Amino acid sequence: MYSSYADLISFDPETGVAKFDYFDMLRGNDAVNFLVDHEGYTQAAAEAMVQDFADSEYVKKNTNPQLRAIDIDDVSLKLMYKPNGDPVADSISVSVTPAQFRSIYLLNTSLLLETYFYYIHVESDGSVSLVEQVYWP
């Protein structure tokens, strides 16, 4: 495994296994090339689109359907929601325990599955060290 942005696709609170779908965040020439090569854009249309992007806009490249399974009991966790399910006051994720992750999921699955994407931090030995929900304006 490698570090990457990812969407949480599913979570099993009984086993603690979360399945993530990795994606690449493309900007500039990488975004233009992807739009032309994979999305059917003309060069001019892709360049115009990417040139008009705001600082926070990007093209989402997801060409690998493989899901990555991560046991949340084995990693550090940071979310954009407090343990009670309330959103954080600013754009900085807060540490939660696996039990709190489960509680938030059981309270409202969309808080973990449908709001923010994640960044999966992977060490050089291939082990996941942190699963972090990311604020992106």
Protein backbone atom coordinates (compact mmCIF):
# COMPACT_ATOMS: atom_id res chain seq x y z
CA MET A 1 0.00 0.00 0.00
CA TYR A 2 1.04 3.60 -0.47
CA SER A 3 -0.13 6.96 0.88
CA SER A 4 -3.04 8.41 -1.05
CA TYR A 5 -6.33 10.26 -0.95
CA ALA A 6 -9.29 7.91 -0.71
CA ASP A 7 -13.05 7.66 -0.33
CA LEU A 8 -14.47 5.47 2.40
CA ILE A 9 -16.73 3.03 0.56
CA SER A 10 -17.85 0.77 3.39
CA PHE A 11 -17.27 0.05 7.05
CA ASP A 12 -18.13 -2.99 9.15
CA PRO A 13 -18.42 -1.89 12.79
CA GLU A 14 -18.27 -5.48 14.03
CA THR A 15 -14.93 -6.33 12.42
CA GLY A 16 -13.51 -2.80 12.28
CA VAL A 17 -12.63 -3.20 8.61
CA ALA A 18 -13.02 -0.09 6.48
CA LYS A 19 -12.73 -0.31 2.70
CA PHE A 20 -11.23 2.64 0.87
CA ASP A 21 -11.10 3.53 -2.81
CA TYR A 22 -7.85 5.36 -3.60
CA PHE A 23 -7.77 8.26 -6.04
CA ASP A 24 -5.28 10.77 -7.39
CA MET A 25 -5.88 14.50 -7.20
CA LEU A 26 -4.72 15.99 -10.51
CA ARG A 27 -4.02 19.60 -11.39
CA GLY A 28 -2.28 21.43 -14.19
CA ASN A 29 -0.87 19.40 -17.07
CA ASP A 30 -1.59 16.10 -15.31
CA ALA A 31 -5.27 17.03 -15.14
CA VAL A 32 -5.33 18.13 -18.78
CA ASN A 33 -3.65 14.94 -19.96
CA PHE A 34 -6.04 12.76 -17.95
CA LEU A 35 -9.10 14.58 -19.29
CA VAL A 36 -7.89 14.15 -22.87
CA ASP A 37 -6.67 10.56 -22.53
CA HIS A 38 -9.44 9.12 -20.33
CA GLU A 39 -12.46 11.41 -20.35
CA GLY A 40 -12.76 12.28 -24.05
CA TYR A 41 -12.04 16.00 -23.78
CA THR A 42 -10.34 17.85 -26.60
CA GLN A 43 -7.00 19.39 -25.70
CA ALA A 44 -8.49 22.90 -25.90
CA ALA A 45 -11.51 22.03 -23.75
CA ALA A 46 -9.37 20.32 -21.12
CA GLU A 47 -6.93 23.24 -20.97
CA ALA A 48 -9.79 25.75 -20.67
CA MET A 49 -11.44 23.77 -17.90
CA VAL A 50 -8.26 23.32 -15.86
CA GLN A 51 -7.18 26.92 -16.41
CA ASP A 52 -10.46 28.09 -14.85
CA PHE A 53 -10.05 25.95 -11.72
CA ALA A 54 -10.08 27.68 -8.36
CA ASP A 55 -7.18 26.82 -6.06
CA SER A 56 -9.18 24.04 -4.42
CA GLU A 57 -10.47 22.41 -7.63
CA TYR A 58 -8.93 19.30 -9.13
CA VAL A 59 -9.64 16.37 -11.41
CA LYS A 60 -10.25 13.10 -9.59
CA LYS A 61 -8.39 10.22 -11.22
CA ASN A 62 -9.70 6.83 -10.15
CA THR A 63 -8.76 4.17 -12.67
CA ASN A 64 -8.12 1.28 -10.28
CA PRO A 65 -11.27 -0.42 -8.91
CA GLN A 66 -9.33 -2.21 -6.15
CA LEU A 67 -10.50 -1.36 -2.63
CA ARG A 68 -8.00 -1.21 0.23
CA ALA A 69 -9.14 -2.83 3.49
CA ILE A 70 -7.89 -1.21 6.69
CA ASP A 71 -8.65 -2.39 10.23
CA ILE A 72 -9.39 0.82 12.13
CA ASP A 73 -8.41 -0.88 15.38
CA ASP A 74 -4.80 -0.99 14.14
CA VAL A 75 -4.32 2.65 13.06
CA SER A 76 -4.57 6.20 14.36
CA LEU A 77 -7.71 8.03 13.29
CA LYS A 78 -8.50 11.71 12.71
CA LEU A 79 -11.90 13.00 11.66
CA MET A 80 -13.62 16.26 10.82
CA TYR A 81 -16.24 15.33 13.42
CA LYS A 82 -16.02 15.33 17.19
CA PRO A 83 -16.74 12.05 18.97
CA ASN A 84 -20.38 13.16 19.51
CA GLY A 85 -20.86 13.64 15.75
CA ASP A 86 -20.70 17.44 15.76
CA PRO A 87 -18.45 19.01 13.11
CA VAL A 88 -15.14 20.48 14.24
CA ALA A 89 -15.13 24.26 14.67
CA ASP A 90 -12.34 24.80 12.15
CA SER A 91 -10.67 22.90 9.35
CA ILE A 92 -8.40 20.77 11.52
CA SER A 93 -9.27 17.12 12.03
CA VAL A 94 -9.35 15.73 15.59
CA SER A 95 -8.10 12.42 16.91
CA VAL A 96 -10.74 9.80 17.68
CA THR A 97 -10.58 6.28 19.04
CA PRO A 98 -11.83 3.26 17.12
CA ALA A 99 -14.81 3.13 19.51
CA GLN A 100 -15.63 6.77 18.73
CA PHE A 101 -15.29 6.08 14.99
CA ARG A 102 -17.83 3.27 15.38
CA SER A 103 -20.16 5.50 17.40
CA ILE A 104 -20.08 8.22 14.75
CA TYR A 105 -20.75 5.63 12.05
CA LEU A 106 -23.72 4.22 13.97
CA LEU A 107 -25.02 7.73 14.68
CA ASN A 108 -24.96 8.81 11.03
CA THR A 109 -23.13 6.78 8.38
CA SER A 110 -23.08 9.72 5.97
CA LEU A 111 -20.68 11.62 8.26
CA LEU A 112 -18.01 9.06 7.42
CA LEU A 113 -19.11 7.82 3.99
CA GLU A 114 -20.39 10.91 2.20
CA THR A 115 -18.92 14.15 3.54
CA TYR A 116 -15.12 14.43 3.52
CA PHE A 117 -12.59 12.26 1.77
CA TYR A 118 -9.58 10.78 3.55
CA TYR A 119 -5.82 10.69 3.35
CA ILE A 120 -4.30 7.30 4.10
CA HIS A 121 -0.81 7.68 5.60
CA VAL A 122 1.38 4.66 4.84
CA GLU A 123 4.85 4.06 6.27
CA SER A 124 7.85 2.92 4.22
CA ASP A 125 7.25 -0.67 5.35
CA GLY A 126 3.76 -0.58 3.81
CA SER A 127 1.84 -0.37 7.09
CA VAL A 128 -0.94 2.18 7.50
CA SER A 129 -0.21 4.58 10.36
CA LEU A 130 -3.06 7.09 10.07
CA VAL A 131 -6.48 7.37 8.44
CA GLU A 132 -7.40 11.05 8.32
CA GLN A 133 -10.53 12.77 7.08
CA VAL A 134 -9.41 15.83 5.12
CA TYR A 135 -11.04 19.24 4.93
CA TRP A 136 -11.02 20.48 1.35
CA PRO A 137 -12.72 23.81 0.66
